[in-house]
């Protein structure tokens, strides 16, 4: 039995997704003789942080909570640094709870919003993976996510939905129904959408922890890089 305390990290997420096990060949080309690769700081200098504070709520399961990585390496923490590096005065609240299904998220979303301690400018919703593990009917997953979105939007908070995809071994009908949940909800409620949150890492075994489920710190960096523009676009501009 796993502890279900919010809001700090609980280091377990039970979903098991089939991940590719064959490493793709990769190579890096060295700079010509006499030349040095530019330093990282020279490639992209951070912008000065300006404007009012923008508070982002990261609401999800262990992919949000940062299972198996250091406290400053989770998605919310890396996202906050990335947004601030773009000059956005962002603060990202980590409200991920490992093992959460959409039903569990539905039960706690009002409590989280009531106790956030700040006005939320954007809620990122990332749930559904544990529903896959338990074989929960897609219509139940959709109903729960819809209720979460409605609760958030009732407070005039915009939503960015981070989608998941079902593995092929769930069967064609299940895959079709589950994968359609996120774009359908985004259309229905006018939310932002990242179609597949794990897109940068799901077929890259070197970016997955030994449990073959959770991204490494490097993988989370790539997941932030792939989604930070969508997050920034959903934030108030003034």
C-alpha atoms as a PDB file:
ATOM      1  CA  UNK A   1       0.000   0.000   0.000  1.00  0.00           C
ATOM      2  CA  UNK A   2       1.364   3.380  -0.974  1.00  0.00           C
ATOM      3  CA  UNK A   3       1.006   6.622   0.887  1.00  0.00           C
ATOM      4  CA  UNK A   4      -1.351   9.087  -0.825  1.00  0.00           C
ATOM      5  CA  UNK A   5      -0.306  12.341   0.801  1.00  0.00           C
ATOM      6  CA  UNK A   6      -0.531  15.622  -1.195  1.00  0.00           C
ATOM      7  CA  UNK A   7       1.237  17.806  -2.221  1.00  0.00           C
ATOM      8  CA  UNK A   8       4.804  16.571  -1.909  1.00  0.00           C
ATOM      9  CA  UNK A   9       6.279  13.795  -3.946  1.00  0.00           C
ATOM     10  CA  UNK A  10       5.300  10.193  -3.459  1.00  0.00           C
ATOM     11  CA  UNK A  11       7.807   8.129  -5.339  1.00  0.00           C
ATOM     12  CA  UNK A  12       5.716   5.493  -7.072  1.00  0.00           C
ATOM     13  CA  UNK A  13       3.620   5.291 -10.213  1.00  0.00           C
ATOM     14  CA  UNK A  14       2.277   1.921 -11.131  1.00  0.00           C
ATOM     15  CA  UNK A  15       1.520   2.127 -14.838  1.00  0.00           C
ATOM     16  CA  UNK A  16       3.438  -0.247 -17.074  1.00  0.00           C
ATOM     17  CA  UNK A  17       3.782   0.909 -20.668  1.00  0.00           C
ATOM     18  CA  UNK A  18       5.502  -1.228 -23.299  1.00  0.00           C
ATOM     19  CA  UNK A  19       8.655   0.645 -24.211  1.00  0.00           C
ATOM     20  CA  UNK A  20      11.054  -0.178 -27.007  1.00  0.00           C
ATOM     21  CA  UNK A  21      14.110  -2.076 -25.824  1.00  0.00           C
ATOM     22  CA  UNK A  22      16.392  -1.648 -28.796  1.00  0.00           C
ATOM     23  CA  UNK A  23      18.706   1.342 -28.641  1.00  0.00           C
ATOM     24  CA  UNK A  24      18.795   3.358 -31.831  1.00  0.00           C
ATOM     25  CA  UNK A  25      22.264   3.954 -33.179  1.00  0.00           C
ATOM     26  CA  UNK A  26      23.379   7.505 -32.554  1.00  0.00           C
ATOM     27  CA  UNK A  27      26.485   9.445 -33.355  1.00  0.00           C
ATOM     28  CA  UNK A  28      27.890  12.882 -32.692  1.00  0.00           C
ATOM     29  CA  UNK A  29      30.050  14.717 -35.116  1.00  0.00           C
ATOM     30  CA  UNK A  30      33.126  16.389 -33.669  1.00  0.00           C
ATOM     31  CA  UNK A  31      33.944  19.988 -34.682  1.00  0.00           C
ATOM     32  CA  UNK A  32      36.651  20.418 -37.323  1.00  0.00           C
ATOM     33  CA  UNK A  33      40.235  20.566 -36.126  1.00  0.00           C
ATOM     34  CA  UNK A  34      41.136  23.919 -34.624  1.00  0.00           C
ATOM     35  CA  UNK A  35      37.524  24.762 -33.831  1.00  0.00           C
ATOM     36  CA  UNK A  36      35.837  24.522 -30.490  1.00  0.00           C
ATOM     37  CA  UNK A  37      32.193  23.810 -29.885  1.00  0.00           C
ATOM     38  CA  UNK A  38      30.480  26.929 -28.492  1.00  0.00           C
ATOM     39  CA  UNK A  39      29.781  26.887 -24.802  1.00  0.00           C
ATOM     40  CA  UNK A  40      26.163  26.233 -23.820  1.00  0.00           C
ATOM     41  CA  UNK A  41      25.858  29.693 -22.280  1.00  0.00           C
ATOM     42  CA  UNK A  42      26.940  31.220 -25.596  1.00  0.00           C
ATOM     43  CA  UNK A  43      24.264  29.289 -27.489  1.00  0.00           C
ATOM     44  CA  UNK A  44      21.311  30.552 -25.483  1.00  0.00           C
ATOM     45  CA  UNK A  45      21.558  33.208 -22.793  1.00  0.00           C
ATOM     46  CA  UNK A  46      18.547  33.353 -20.456  1.00  0.00           C
ATOM     47  CA  UNK A  47      16.291  36.353 -20.737  1.00  0.00           C
ATOM     48  CA  UNK A  48      15.778  38.628 -17.732  1.00  0.00           C
ATOM     49  CA  UNK A  49      12.750  37.567 -15.688  1.00  0.00           C
ATOM     50  CA  UNK A  50      10.096  40.254 -15.944  1.00  0.00           C
ATOM     51  CA  UNK A  51       6.400  40.885 -15.402  1.00  0.00           C
ATOM     52  CA  UNK A  52       3.897  39.651 -12.833  1.00  0.00           C
ATOM     53  CA  UNK A  53       4.284  36.216 -11.309  1.00  0.00           C
ATOM     54  CA  UNK A  54       2.502  33.499 -13.280  1.00  0.00           C
ATOM     55  CA  UNK A  55       1.484  30.523 -11.168  1.00  0.00           C
ATOM     56  CA  UNK A  56       1.175  27.182 -12.939  1.00  0.00           C
ATOM     57  CA  UNK A  57      -0.407  24.137 -11.315  1.00  0.00           C
ATOM     58  CA  UNK A  58       1.054  20.788 -12.373  1.00  0.00           C
ATOM     59  CA  UNK A  59      -1.694  18.278 -11.553  1.00  0.00           C
ATOM     60  CA  UNK A  60      -1.051  14.624 -12.293  1.00  0.00           C
ATOM     61  CA  UNK A  61       0.497  11.318 -11.264  1.00  0.00           C
ATOM     62  CA  UNK A  62       4.131  10.231 -10.915  1.00  0.00           C
ATOM     63  CA  UNK A  63       5.084  11.646 -14.302  1.00  0.00           C
ATOM     64  CA  UNK A  64       4.282  15.000 -12.748  1.00  0.00           C
ATOM     65  CA  UNK A  65       5.569  14.078  -9.272  1.00  0.00           C
ATOM     66  CA  UNK A  66       9.015  13.108 -10.555  1.00  0.00           C
ATOM     67  CA  UNK A  67       9.382   9.476  -9.562  1.00  0.00           C
ATOM     68  CA  UNK A  68      12.980   8.303  -9.222  1.00  0.00           C
ATOM     69  CA  UNK A  69      14.723  11.641  -9.810  1.00  0.00           C
ATOM     70  CA  UNK A  70      16.053  14.334  -7.492  1.00  0.00           C
ATOM     71  CA  UNK A  71      13.568  16.877  -6.099  1.00  0.00           C
ATOM     72  CA  UNK A  72      14.789  19.592  -8.467  1.00  0.00           C
ATOM     73  CA  UNK A  73      14.661  17.323 -11.545  1.00  0.00           C
ATOM     74  CA  UNK A  74      10.918  16.712 -11.817  1.00  0.00           C
ATOM     75  CA  UNK A  75       8.793  18.082 -14.633  1.00  0.00           C
ATOM     76  CA  UNK A  76       7.357  21.034 -12.646  1.00  0.00           C
ATOM     77  CA  UNK A  77      10.765  22.107 -11.371  1.00  0.00           C
ATOM     78  CA  UNK A  78      12.442  21.873 -14.771  1.00  0.00           C
ATOM     79  CA  UNK A  79       9.479  23.605 -16.399  1.00  0.00           C
ATOM     80  CA  UNK A  80       9.728  26.495 -13.956  1.00  0.00           C
ATOM     81  CA  UNK A  81      13.406  26.995 -14.772  1.00  0.00           C
ATOM     82  CA  UNK A  82      12.706  26.769 -18.486  1.00  0.00           C
ATOM     83  CA  UNK A  83       9.922  29.350 -18.337  1.00  0.00           C
ATOM     84  CA  UNK A  84      12.070  31.683 -16.268  1.00  0.00           C
ATOM     85  CA  UNK A  85      14.870  31.219 -18.770  1.00  0.00           C
ATOM     86  CA  UNK A  86      12.434  32.639 -21.322  1.00  0.00           C
ATOM     87  CA  UNK A  87      11.899  35.701 -19.153  1.00  0.00           C
ATOM     88  CA  UNK A  88       8.558  34.555 -17.705  1.00  0.00           C
ATOM     89  CA  UNK A  89       8.178  35.144 -13.983  1.00  0.00           C
ATOM     90  CA  UNK A  90       6.798  31.633 -13.441  1.00  0.00           C
ATOM     91  CA  UNK A  91       6.181  29.556 -10.358  1.00  0.00           C
ATOM     92  CA  UNK A  92       5.112  25.956 -10.944  1.00  0.00           C
ATOM     93  CA  UNK A  93       3.318  24.085  -8.167  1.00  0.00           C
ATOM     94  CA  UNK A  94       4.001  20.354  -8.076  1.00  0.00           C
ATOM     95  CA  UNK A  95       0.648  18.681  -7.363  1.00  0.00           C
ATOM     96  CA  UNK A  96       1.563  15.255  -8.701  1.00  0.00           C
ATOM     97  CA  UNK A  97       0.593  12.182  -6.668  1.00  0.00           C
ATOM     98  CA  UNK A  98       2.063   8.861  -7.682  1.00  0.00           C
ATOM     99  CA  UNK A  99      -0.447   6.140  -8.460  1.00  0.00           C
ATOM    100  CA  UNK A 100      -3.309   8.536  -9.107  1.00  0.00           C
ATOM    101  CA  UNK A 101      -6.001   7.455 -11.526  1.00  0.00           C
ATOM    102  CA  UNK A 102      -8.329   9.978 -13.107  1.00  0.00           C
ATOM    103  CA  UNK A 103     -10.906   9.039 -10.462  1.00  0.00           C
ATOM    104  CA  UNK A 104      -8.452   9.868  -7.681  1.00  0.00           C
ATOM    105  CA  UNK A 105      -7.594  13.131  -9.395  1.00  0.00           C
ATOM    106  CA  UNK A 106     -11.272  13.958  -9.667  1.00  0.00           C
ATOM    107  CA  UNK A 107     -11.652  13.454  -5.913  1.00  0.00           C
ATOM    108  CA  UNK A 108      -8.825  15.796  -4.971  1.00  0.00           C
ATOM    109  CA  UNK A 109      -8.860  18.551  -7.610  1.00  0.00           C
ATOM    110  CA  UNK A 110     -11.152  20.884  -5.637  1.00  0.00           C
ATOM    111  CA  UNK A 111      -9.040  20.447  -2.505  1.00  0.00           C
ATOM    112  CA  UNK A 112      -5.868  21.201  -4.448  1.00  0.00           C
ATOM    113  CA  UNK A 113      -7.333  24.361  -5.953  1.00  0.00           C
ATOM    114  CA  UNK A 114      -8.766  25.492  -2.622  1.00  0.00           C
ATOM    115  CA  UNK A 115      -5.395  25.080  -0.915  1.00  0.00           C
ATOM    116  CA  UNK A 116      -2.998  26.225  -3.643  1.00  0.00           C
ATOM    117  CA  UNK A 117      -2.167  29.378  -1.681  1.00  0.00           C
ATOM    118  CA  UNK A 118      -2.108  31.477  -4.849  1.00  0.00           C
ATOM    119  CA  UNK A 119      -4.223  32.498  -7.805  1.00  0.00           C
ATOM    120  CA  UNK A 120      -3.572  29.912 -10.519  1.00  0.00           C
ATOM    121  CA  UNK A 121      -2.889  31.273 -14.003  1.00  0.00           C
ATOM    122  CA  UNK A 122      -2.779  27.874 -15.726  1.00  0.00           C
ATOM    123  CA  UNK A 123      -3.560  24.285 -14.725  1.00  0.00           C
ATOM    124  CA  UNK A 124      -1.643  21.509 -16.470  1.00  0.00           C
ATOM    125  CA  UNK A 125      -3.597  18.257 -16.215  1.00  0.00           C
ATOM    126  CA  UNK A 126      -1.662  15.012 -16.717  1.00  0.00           C
ATOM    127  CA  UNK A 127      -3.604  11.860 -15.826  1.00  0.00           C
ATOM    128  CA  UNK A 128      -4.743   8.616 -17.439  1.00  0.00           C
ATOM    129  CA  UNK A 129      -1.712   6.340 -17.390  1.00  0.00           C
ATOM    130  CA  UNK A 130      -2.823   4.430 -14.314  1.00  0.00           C
ATOM    131  CA  UNK A 131      -6.260   4.014 -15.845  1.00  0.00           C
ATOM    132  CA  UNK A 132      -4.517   2.101 -18.623  1.00  0.00           C
ATOM    133  CA  UNK A 133      -2.821  -0.223 -16.158  1.00  0.00           C
ATOM    134  CA  UNK A 134      -6.114  -1.045 -14.497  1.00  0.00           C
ATOM    135  CA  UNK A 135      -7.995  -1.469 -17.768  1.00  0.00           C
ATOM    136  CA  UNK A 136     -10.514   1.166 -16.745  1.00  0.00           C
ATOM    137  CA  UNK A 137     -13.148   1.760 -19.392  1.00  0.00           C
ATOM    138  CA  UNK A 138     -12.206   4.744 -21.561  1.00  0.00           C
ATOM    139  CA  UNK A 139     -15.607   6.320 -21.046  1.00  0.00           C
ATOM    140  CA  UNK A 140     -14.916   6.427 -17.300  1.00  0.00           C
ATOM    141  CA  UNK A 141     -11.514   7.999 -17.900  1.00  0.00           C
ATOM    142  CA  UNK A 142     -13.090  10.598 -20.135  1.00  0.00           C
ATOM    143  CA  UNK A 143     -15.849  11.335 -17.630  1.00  0.00           C
ATOM    144  CA  UNK A 144     -13.329  11.840 -14.832  1.00  0.00           C
ATOM    145  CA  UNK A 145     -11.072  14.077 -16.907  1.00  0.00           C
ATOM    146  CA  UNK A 146     -14.077  16.102 -18.025  1.00  0.00           C
ATOM    147  CA  UNK A 147     -15.081  16.633 -14.394  1.00  0.00           C
ATOM    148  CA  UNK A 148     -11.546  17.767 -13.522  1.00  0.00           C
ATOM    149  CA  UNK A 149     -11.500  20.221 -16.418  1.00  0.00           C
ATOM    150  CA  UNK A 150     -14.928  21.555 -15.480  1.00  0.00           C
ATOM    151  CA  UNK A 151     -13.856  22.117 -11.878  1.00  0.00           C
ATOM    152  CA  UNK A 152     -10.777  24.030 -13.007  1.00  0.00           C
ATOM    153  CA  UNK A 153     -12.595  26.085 -15.626  1.00  0.00           C
ATOM    154  CA  UNK A 154     -15.375  26.935 -13.173  1.00  0.00           C
ATOM    155  CA  UNK A 155     -12.715  28.995 -11.412  1.00  0.00           C
ATOM    156  CA  UNK A 156     -11.774  30.799 -14.621  1.00  0.00           C
ATOM    157  CA  UNK A 157      -8.439  28.967 -14.892  1.00  0.00           C
ATOM    158  CA  UNK A 158      -7.232  27.917 -18.350  1.00  0.00           C
ATOM    159  CA  UNK A 159      -6.209  24.296 -18.866  1.00  0.00           C
ATOM    160  CA  UNK A 160      -3.429  22.561 -20.757  1.00  0.00           C
ATOM    161  CA  UNK A 161      -4.150  18.851 -21.157  1.00  0.00           C
ATOM    162  CA  UNK A 162      -1.199  16.447 -21.439  1.00  0.00           C
ATOM    163  CA  UNK A 163      -2.345  13.404 -23.355  1.00  0.00           C
ATOM    164  CA  UNK A 164      -1.459   9.742 -23.061  1.00  0.00           C
ATOM    165  CA  UNK A 165      -1.724   6.900 -25.553  1.00  0.00           C
ATOM    166  CA  UNK A 166      -2.684   3.295 -24.988  1.00  0.00           C
ATOM    167  CA  UNK A 167      -0.209   0.531 -25.881  1.00  0.00           C
ATOM    168  CA  UNK A 168      -1.165  -1.698 -28.838  1.00  0.00           C
ATOM    169  CA  UNK A 169      -1.577  -4.776 -26.640  1.00  0.00           C
ATOM    170  CA  UNK A 170      -4.700  -3.223 -25.133  1.00  0.00           C
ATOM    171  CA  UNK A 171      -6.543  -4.061 -28.349  1.00  0.00           C
ATOM    172  CA  UNK A 172      -7.521  -1.927 -31.310  1.00  0.00           C
ATOM    173  CA  UNK A 173     -10.913  -0.888 -29.953  1.00  0.00           C
ATOM    174  CA  UNK A 174      -9.544   0.143 -26.570  1.00  0.00           C
ATOM    175  CA  UNK A 175      -6.644   2.014 -28.164  1.00  0.00           C
ATOM    176  CA  UNK A 176      -8.960   3.895 -30.492  1.00  0.00           C
ATOM    177  CA  UNK A 177     -11.308   4.884 -27.688  1.00  0.00           C
ATOM    178  CA  UNK A 178      -8.591   5.830 -25.214  1.00  0.00           C
ATOM    179  CA  UNK A 179      -6.399   7.757 -27.628  1.00  0.00           C
ATOM    180  CA  UNK A 180      -9.410   9.784 -28.742  1.00  0.00           C
ATOM    181  CA  UNK A 181     -10.168  11.016 -25.222  1.00  0.00           C
ATOM    182  CA  UNK A 182      -7.652  13.868 -25.070  1.00  0.00           C
ATOM    183  CA  UNK A 183      -8.240  15.568 -28.436  1.00  0.00           C
ATOM    184  CA  UNK A 184     -12.001  15.219 -27.953  1.00  0.00           C
ATOM    185  CA  UNK A 185     -11.862  16.863 -24.530  1.00  0.00           C
ATOM    186  CA  UNK A 186      -9.582  19.612 -25.816  1.00  0.00           C
ATOM    187  CA  UNK A 187     -12.099  20.409 -28.553  1.00  0.00           C
ATOM    188  CA  UNK A 188     -15.097  20.198 -26.221  1.00  0.00           C
ATOM    189  CA  UNK A 189     -13.648  22.449 -23.531  1.00  0.00           C
ATOM    190  CA  UNK A 190     -11.341  24.642 -25.607  1.00  0.00           C
ATOM    191  CA  UNK A 191      -8.211  23.616 -23.715  1.00  0.00           C
ATOM    192  CA  UNK A 192      -4.634  23.523 -24.850  1.00  0.00           C
ATOM    193  CA  UNK A 193      -3.375  20.059 -25.766  1.00  0.00           C
ATOM    194  CA  UNK A 194      -0.115  18.137 -25.900  1.00  0.00           C
ATOM    195  CA  UNK A 195      -1.261  14.970 -27.712  1.00  0.00           C
ATOM    196  CA  UNK A 196       1.293  12.594 -26.136  1.00  0.00           C
ATOM    197  CA  UNK A 197       3.240  13.767 -23.115  1.00  0.00           C
ATOM    198  CA  UNK A 198       5.835  10.981 -23.342  1.00  0.00           C
ATOM    199  CA  UNK A 199       6.503  11.443 -27.047  1.00  0.00           C
ATOM    200  CA  UNK A 200      10.176  12.463 -26.607  1.00  0.00           C
ATOM    201  CA  UNK A 201      11.097   9.397 -24.537  1.00  0.00           C
ATOM    202  CA  UNK A 202       8.697   6.490 -24.965  1.00  0.00           C
ATOM    203  CA  UNK A 203      10.829   4.769 -27.622  1.00  0.00           C
ATOM    204  CA  UNK A 204      14.200   5.841 -26.213  1.00  0.00           C
ATOM    205  CA  UNK A 205      15.251   3.219 -23.618  1.00  0.00           C
ATOM    206  CA  UNK A 206      18.295   5.227 -22.594  1.00  0.00           C
ATOM    207  CA  UNK A 207      15.921   7.953 -21.370  1.00  0.00           C
ATOM    208  CA  UNK A 208      13.840   5.570 -19.258  1.00  0.00           C
ATOM    209  CA  UNK A 209      14.673   4.414 -15.745  1.00  0.00           C
ATOM    210  CA  UNK A 210      15.364   0.700 -15.069  1.00  0.00           C
ATOM    211  CA  UNK A 211      11.670   0.194 -14.244  1.00  0.00           C
ATOM    212  CA  UNK A 212      11.068   0.761 -18.000  1.00  0.00           C
ATOM    213  CA  UNK A 213       8.298   3.218 -17.160  1.00  0.00           C
ATOM    214  CA  UNK A 214       9.547   6.499 -15.736  1.00  0.00           C
ATOM    215  CA  UNK A 215      11.720   9.020 -17.563  1.00  0.00           C
ATOM    216  CA  UNK A 216      15.214   9.760 -16.359  1.00  0.00           C
ATOM    217  CA  UNK A 217      16.229  13.297 -15.438  1.00  0.00           C
ATOM    218  CA  UNK A 218      17.510  13.727 -18.988  1.00  0.00           C
ATOM    219  CA  UNK A 219      14.233  12.418 -20.350  1.00  0.00           C
ATOM    220  CA  UNK A 220      12.275  14.902 -18.257  1.00  0.00           C
ATOM    221  CA  UNK A 221      14.423  17.713 -19.604  1.00  0.00           C
ATOM    222  CA  UNK A 222      13.414  16.659 -23.123  1.00  0.00           C
ATOM    223  CA  UNK A 223       9.753  16.408 -22.137  1.00  0.00           C
ATOM    224  CA  UNK A 224       9.903  19.969 -20.821  1.00  0.00           C
ATOM    225  CA  UNK A 225      11.653  21.156 -23.967  1.00  0.00           C
ATOM    226  CA  UNK A 226       8.888  19.569 -26.057  1.00  0.00           C
ATOM    227  CA  UNK A 227       6.064  21.209 -24.086  1.00  0.00           C
ATOM    228  CA  UNK A 228       7.338  24.524 -22.731  1.00  0.00           C
ATOM    229  CA  UNK A 229       6.153  26.506 -25.738  1.00  0.00           C
ATOM    230  CA  UNK A 230       2.606  25.159 -25.329  1.00  0.00           C
ATOM    231  CA  UNK A 231       2.725  26.084 -21.636  1.00  0.00           C
ATOM    232  CA  UNK A 232       3.992  29.594 -22.368  1.00  0.00           C
ATOM    233  CA  UNK A 233       1.321  30.101 -25.024  1.00  0.00           C
ATOM    234  CA  UNK A 234      -1.461  29.306 -22.530  1.00  0.00           C
ATOM    235  CA  UNK A 235      -0.238  31.786 -19.912  1.00  0.00           C
ATOM    236  CA  UNK A 236      -1.730  35.278 -19.691  1.00  0.00           C
ATOM    237  CA  UNK A 237       0.378  37.669 -21.730  1.00  0.00           C
ATOM    238  CA  UNK A 238      -0.250  40.807 -19.669  1.00  0.00           C
END
